[in-house]
Every structure is written in structure tokens, then in C-alpha cells.
Amino acid sequence: MIFKIVTLFLVVMGVLAMFGKMHWLGGKRLSNVKCRACGRYRIGKGPCPCGKDRRA
């Protein structure tokens, strides 16, 4: 019984990992919120803390 539960858990985690790697689930949106200068993710609408990206 425990073996079935552990196997099912590992299968579900594997499926979730495959869906997480797909870029059509929001990868384009995530690439747009990165700073072009330093590559860090920008949170909010303000400029990046590095000061090199003036995009708002």
C-alpha cells in the first residue's frame, strides 16, 4: 500500500515537473519581466534596482 502511494506521488511530481518546463505556460511573460541589463526579475512597475534599465 505504501509502495503504491509513493509511486503515485513520484509520478505526479514528474508530470508537474514536465509541465513546469514548458515555455508556453507563461515563459514569454516571464522573459518580459527580466531586466535587460542584469537579468534579474523586476517586481512591480518600477525600474530595476541596478539602475541600468530605465523601462517602467
PDB file of N, CA and C in Angstrom:
ATOM      1  N   MET A   1       0.835  -1.197   0.000  1.00  0.00           N
ATOM      2  CA  MET A   1       0.000   0.000   0.000  1.00  0.00           C
ATOM      3  C   MET A   1       0.877   1.258   0.000  1.00  0.00           C
ATOM      4  N   ILE A   2       1.888   1.261   0.867  1.00  0.00           N
ATOM      5  CA  ILE A   2       2.797   2.415   0.929  1.00  0.00           C
ATOM      6  C   ILE A   2       3.537   2.564  -0.395  1.00  0.00           C
ATOM      7  N   PHE A   3       3.933   1.428  -0.988  1.00  0.00           N
ATOM      8  CA  PHE A   3       4.650   1.469  -2.264  1.00  0.00           C
ATOM      9  C   PHE A   3       3.801   2.123  -3.354  1.00  0.00           C
ATOM     10  N   LYS A   4       2.512   1.839  -3.380  1.00  0.00           N
ATOM     11  CA  LYS A   4       1.608   2.442  -4.363  1.00  0.00           C
ATOM     12  C   LYS A   4       1.492   3.946  -4.148  1.00  0.00           C
ATOM     13  N   ILE A   5       1.412   4.365  -2.904  1.00  0.00           N
ATOM     14  CA  ILE A   5       1.287   5.791  -2.595  1.00  0.00           C
ATOM     15  C   ILE A   5       2.553   6.533  -3.003  1.00  0.00           C
ATOM     16  N   VAL A   6       3.705   5.978  -2.670  1.00  0.00           N
ATOM     17  CA  VAL A   6       4.979   6.618  -3.021  1.00  0.00           C
ATOM     18  C   VAL A   6       5.148   6.671  -4.532  1.00  0.00           C
ATOM     19  N   THR A   7       4.805   5.594  -5.231  1.00  0.00           N
ATOM     20  CA  THR A   7       4.911   5.566  -6.692  1.00  0.00           C
ATOM     21  C   THR A   7       3.980   6.589  -7.329  1.00  0.00           C
ATOM     22  N   LEU A   8       2.756   6.674  -6.860  1.00  0.00           N
ATOM     23  CA  LEU A   8       1.811   7.654  -7.395  1.00  0.00           C
ATOM     24  C   LEU A   8       2.300   9.078  -7.140  1.00  0.00           C
ATOM     25  N   PHE A   9       2.852   9.328  -5.956  1.00  0.00           N
ATOM     26  CA  PHE A   9       3.384  10.649  -5.641  1.00  0.00           C
ATOM     27  C   PHE A   9       4.527  11.013  -6.587  1.00  0.00           C
ATOM     28  N   LEU A  10       5.434  10.080  -6.840  1.00  0.00           N
ATOM     29  CA  LEU A  10       6.564  10.357  -7.729  1.00  0.00           C
ATOM     30  C   LEU A  10       6.109  10.585  -9.165  1.00  0.00           C
ATOM     31  N   VAL A  11       5.109   9.853  -9.614  1.00  0.00           N
ATOM     32  CA  VAL A  11       4.580  10.054 -10.964  1.00  0.00           C
ATOM     33  C   VAL A  11       3.946  11.436 -11.085  1.00  0.00           C
ATOM     34  N   VAL A  12       3.159  11.827 -10.091  1.00  0.00           N
ATOM     35  CA  VAL A  12       2.517  13.148 -10.115  1.00  0.00           C
ATOM     36  C   VAL A  12       3.576  14.250 -10.083  1.00  0.00           C
ATOM     37  N   MET A  13       4.602  14.090  -9.285  1.00  0.00           N
ATOM     38  CA  MET A  13       5.668  15.103  -9.233  1.00  0.00           C
ATOM     39  C   MET A  13       6.407  15.182 -10.568  1.00  0.00           C
ATOM     40  N   GLY A  14       6.610  14.063 -11.230  1.00  0.00           N
ATOM     41  CA  GLY A  14       7.251  14.057 -12.544  1.00  0.00           C
ATOM     42  C   GLY A  14       6.415  14.772 -13.591  1.00  0.00           C
ATOM     43  N   VAL A  15       5.106  14.548 -13.564  1.00  0.00           N
ATOM     44  CA  VAL A  15       4.212  15.226 -14.513  1.00  0.00           C
ATOM     45  C   VAL A  15       4.215  16.731 -14.250  1.00  0.00           C
ATOM     46  N   LEU A  16       4.181  17.132 -13.000  1.00  0.00           N
ATOM     47  CA  LEU A  16       4.230  18.561 -12.678  1.00  0.00           C
ATOM     48  C   LEU A  16       5.548  19.185 -13.127  1.00  0.00           C
ATOM     49  N   ALA A  17       6.640  18.454 -13.000  1.00  0.00           N
ATOM     50  CA  ALA A  17       7.939  18.974 -13.444  1.00  0.00           C
ATOM     51  C   ALA A  17       7.958  19.162 -14.958  1.00  0.00           C
ATOM     52  N   MET A  18       7.351  18.231 -15.697  1.00  0.00           N
ATOM     53  CA  MET A  18       7.303  18.377 -17.155  1.00  0.00           C
ATOM     54  C   MET A  18       6.470  19.589 -17.554  1.00  0.00           C
ATOM     55  N   PHE A  19       5.347  19.814 -16.891  1.00  0.00           N
ATOM     56  CA  PHE A  19       4.534  20.991 -17.196  1.00  0.00           C
ATOM     57  C   PHE A  19       5.253  22.272 -16.809  1.00  0.00           C
ATOM     58  N   GLY A  20       6.044  22.247 -15.757  1.00  0.00           N
ATOM     59  CA  GLY A  20       6.778  23.430 -15.329  1.00  0.00           C
ATOM     60  C   GLY A  20       7.853  23.844 -16.301  1.00  0.00           C
ATOM     61  N   LYS A  21       8.392  22.907 -17.066  1.00  0.00           N
ATOM     62  CA  LYS A  21       9.452  23.231 -18.022  1.00  0.00           C
ATOM     63  C   LYS A  21       8.913  23.731 -19.353  1.00  0.00           C
ATOM     64  N   MET A  22       7.608  23.589 -19.578  1.00  0.00           N
ATOM     65  CA  MET A  22       7.037  24.046 -20.845  1.00  0.00           C
ATOM     66  C   MET A  22       6.987  25.565 -20.861  1.00  0.00           C
ATOM     67  N   HIS A  23       7.433  26.142 -21.972  1.00  0.00           N
ATOM     68  CA  HIS A  23       7.509  27.602 -22.057  1.00  0.00           C
ATOM     69  C   HIS A  23       6.203  28.236 -22.513  1.00  0.00           C
ATOM     70  N   TRP A  24       5.266  27.449 -23.008  1.00  0.00           N
ATOM     71  CA  TRP A  24       4.009  28.031 -23.467  1.00  0.00           C
ATOM     72  C   TRP A  24       3.058  28.290 -22.312  1.00  0.00           C
ATOM     73  N   LEU A  25       3.469  27.996 -21.085  1.00  0.00           N
ATOM     74  CA  LEU A  25       2.606  28.249 -19.935  1.00  0.00           C
ATOM     75  C   LEU A  25       2.941  29.559 -19.219  1.00  0.00           C
ATOM     76  N   GLY A  26       3.636  30.458 -19.863  1.00  0.00           N
ATOM     77  CA  GLY A  26       3.962  31.731 -19.243  1.00  0.00           C
ATOM     78  C   GLY A  26       5.419  32.096 -19.381  1.00  0.00           C
ATOM     79  N   GLY A  27       6.161  31.341 -20.138  1.00  0.00           N
ATOM     80  CA  GLY A  27       7.579  31.623 -20.311  1.00  0.00           C
ATOM     81  C   GLY A  27       7.834  32.948 -21.002  1.00  0.00           C
ATOM     82  N   LYS A  28       6.986  33.308 -21.952  1.00  0.00           N
ATOM     83  CA  LYS A  28       7.171  34.583 -22.655  1.00  0.00           C
ATOM     84  C   LYS A  28       6.915  35.758 -21.718  1.00  0.00           C
ATOM     85  N   ARG A  29       5.905  35.614 -20.885  1.00  0.00           N
ATOM     86  CA  ARG A  29       5.596  36.686 -19.931  1.00  0.00           C
ATOM     87  C   ARG A  29       6.734  36.836 -18.920  1.00  0.00           C
ATOM     88  N   LEU A  30       7.307  35.721 -18.485  1.00  0.00           N
ATOM     89  CA  LEU A  30       8.403  35.789 -17.523  1.00  0.00           C
ATOM     90  C   LEU A  30       9.654  36.378 -18.139  1.00  0.00           C
ATOM     91  N   SER A  31       9.895  36.141 -19.426  1.00  0.00           N
ATOM     92  CA  SER A  31      11.089  36.712 -20.044  1.00  0.00           C
ATOM     93  C   SER A  31      10.943  38.219 -20.227  1.00  0.00           C
ATOM     94  N   ASN A  32       9.713  38.729 -20.278  1.00  0.00           N
ATOM     95  CA  ASN A  32       9.498  40.168 -20.439  1.00  0.00           C
ATOM     96  C   ASN A  32       9.705  40.929 -19.140  1.00  0.00           C
ATOM     97  N   VAL A  33       9.665  40.281 -18.005  1.00  0.00           N
ATOM     98  CA  VAL A  33       9.799  40.993 -16.748  1.00  0.00           C
ATOM     99  C   VAL A  33      11.229  40.932 -16.206  1.00  0.00           C
ATOM    100  N   LYS A  34      12.161  40.473 -17.015  1.00  0.00           N
ATOM    101  CA  LYS A  34      13.566  40.472 -16.604  1.00  0.00           C
ATOM    102  C   LYS A  34      14.220  41.775 -17.034  1.00  0.00           C
ATOM    103  N   CYS A  35      15.158  42.224 -16.245  1.00  0.00           N
ATOM    104  CA  CYS A  35      15.944  43.399 -16.602  1.00  0.00           C
ATOM    105  C   CYS A  35      16.862  43.036 -17.766  1.00  0.00           C
ATOM    106  N   ARG A  36      16.922  43.894 -18.770  1.00  0.00           N
ATOM    107  CA  ARG A  36      17.773  43.603 -19.923  1.00  0.00           C
ATOM    108  C   ARG A  36      19.244  43.761 -19.585  1.00  0.00           C
ATOM    109  N   ALA A  37      19.569  44.546 -18.566  1.00  0.00           N
ATOM    110  CA  ALA A  37      20.971  44.795 -18.242  1.00  0.00           C
ATOM    111  C   ALA A  37      21.566  43.717 -17.336  1.00  0.00           C
ATOM    112  N   CYS A  38      20.887  43.407 -16.233  1.00  0.00           N
ATOM    113  CA  CYS A  38      21.476  42.481 -15.263  1.00  0.00           C
ATOM    114  C   CYS A  38      20.809  41.113 -15.245  1.00  0.00           C
ATOM    115  N   GLY A  39      19.609  40.964 -15.815  1.00  0.00           N
ATOM    116  CA  GLY A  39      18.950  39.673 -15.893  1.00  0.00           C
ATOM    117  C   GLY A  39      18.101  39.306 -14.685  1.00  0.00           C
ATOM    118  N   ARG A  40      18.014  40.196 -13.690  1.00  0.00           N
ATOM    119  CA  ARG A  40      17.181  39.895 -12.524  1.00  0.00           C
ATOM    120  C   ARG A  40      15.720  40.145 -12.858  1.00  0.00           C
ATOM    121  N   TYR A  41      14.836  39.456 -12.129  1.00  0.00           N
ATOM    122  CA  TYR A  41      13.407  39.664 -12.311  1.00  0.00           C
ATOM    123  C   TYR A  41      12.998  40.978 -11.653  1.00  0.00           C
ATOM    124  N   ARG A  42      12.181  41.761 -12.370  1.00  0.00           N
ATOM    125  CA  ARG A  42      11.669  43.012 -11.822  1.00  0.00           C
ATOM    126  C   ARG A  42      10.294  42.751 -11.248  1.00  0.00           C
ATOM    127  N   ILE A  43      10.062  43.188 -10.030  1.00  0.00           N
ATOM    128  CA  ILE A  43       8.772  43.026  -9.383  1.00  0.00           C
ATOM    129  C   ILE A  43       8.112  44.395  -9.336  1.00  0.00           C
ATOM    130  N   GLY A  44       6.913  44.508  -9.869  1.00  0.00           N
ATOM    131  CA  GLY A  44       6.224  45.788  -9.912  1.00  0.00           C
ATOM    132  C   GLY A  44       6.502  46.508 -11.219  1.00  0.00           C
ATOM    133  N   LYS A  45       6.142  47.784 -11.261  1.00  0.00           N
ATOM    134  CA  LYS A  45       6.268  48.557 -12.494  1.00  0.00           C
ATOM    135  C   LYS A  45       7.471  49.486 -12.494  1.00  0.00           C
ATOM    136  N   GLY A  46       8.161  49.595 -11.397  1.00  0.00           N
ATOM    137  CA  GLY A  46       9.303  50.499 -11.316  1.00  0.00           C
ATOM    138  C   GLY A  46      10.520  49.962 -12.039  1.00  0.00           C
ATOM    139  N   PRO A  47      11.559  50.784 -12.124  1.00  0.00           N
ATOM    140  CA  PRO A  47      12.778  50.340 -12.799  1.00  0.00           C
ATOM    141  C   PRO A  47      13.547  49.328 -11.942  1.00  0.00           C
ATOM    142  N   CYS A  48      14.492  48.687 -12.546  1.00  0.00           N
ATOM    143  CA  CYS A  48      15.321  47.694 -11.855  1.00  0.00           C
ATOM    144  C   CYS A  48      16.248  48.412 -10.862  1.00  0.00           C
ATOM    145  N   PRO A  49      16.524  47.790  -9.728  1.00  0.00           N
ATOM    146  CA  PRO A  49      17.421  48.420  -8.754  1.00  0.00           C
ATOM    147  C   PRO A  49      18.844  48.623  -9.266  1.00  0.00           C
ATOM    148  N   CYS A  50      19.246  47.938 -10.320  1.00  0.00           N
ATOM    149  CA  CYS A  50      20.608  48.127 -10.824  1.00  0.00           C
ATOM    150  C   CYS A  50      20.768  49.497 -11.462  1.00  0.00           C
ATOM    151  N   GLY A  51      19.668  50.125 -11.875  1.00  0.00           N
ATOM    152  CA  GLY A  51      19.717  51.476 -12.421  1.00  0.00           C
ATOM    153  C   GLY A  51      20.047  51.565 -13.894  1.00  0.00           C
ATOM    154  N   LYS A  52      20.318  50.453 -14.547  1.00  0.00           N
ATOM    155  CA  LYS A  52      20.701  50.462 -15.951  1.00  0.00           C
ATOM    156  C   LYS A  52      19.505  50.299 -16.883  1.00  0.00           C
ATOM    157  N   ASP A  53      18.409  49.750 -16.374  1.00  0.00           N
ATOM    158  CA  ASP A  53      17.213  49.520 -17.192  1.00  0.00           C
ATOM    159  C   ASP A  53      16.192  50.602 -16.840  1.00  0.00           C
ATOM    160  N   ARG A  54      15.920  51.485 -17.755  1.00  0.00           N
ATOM    161  CA  ARG A  54      15.002  52.597 -17.494  1.00  0.00           C
ATOM    162  C   ARG A  54      13.580  52.291 -17.920  1.00  0.00           C
ATOM    163  N   ARG A  55      13.305  51.060 -18.275  1.00  0.00           N
ATOM    164  CA  ARG A  55      11.965  50.668 -18.710  1.00  0.00           C
ATOM    165  C   ARG A  55      11.039  50.623 -17.508  1.00  0.00           C
ATOM    166  N   ALA A  56       9.863  51.247 -17.604  1.00  0.00           N
ATOM    167  CA  ALA A  56       8.922  51.262 -16.468  1.00  0.00           C
ATOM    168  C   ALA A  56       7.736  50.375 -16.718  1.00  0.00           C
TER     169      ALA A  56
END
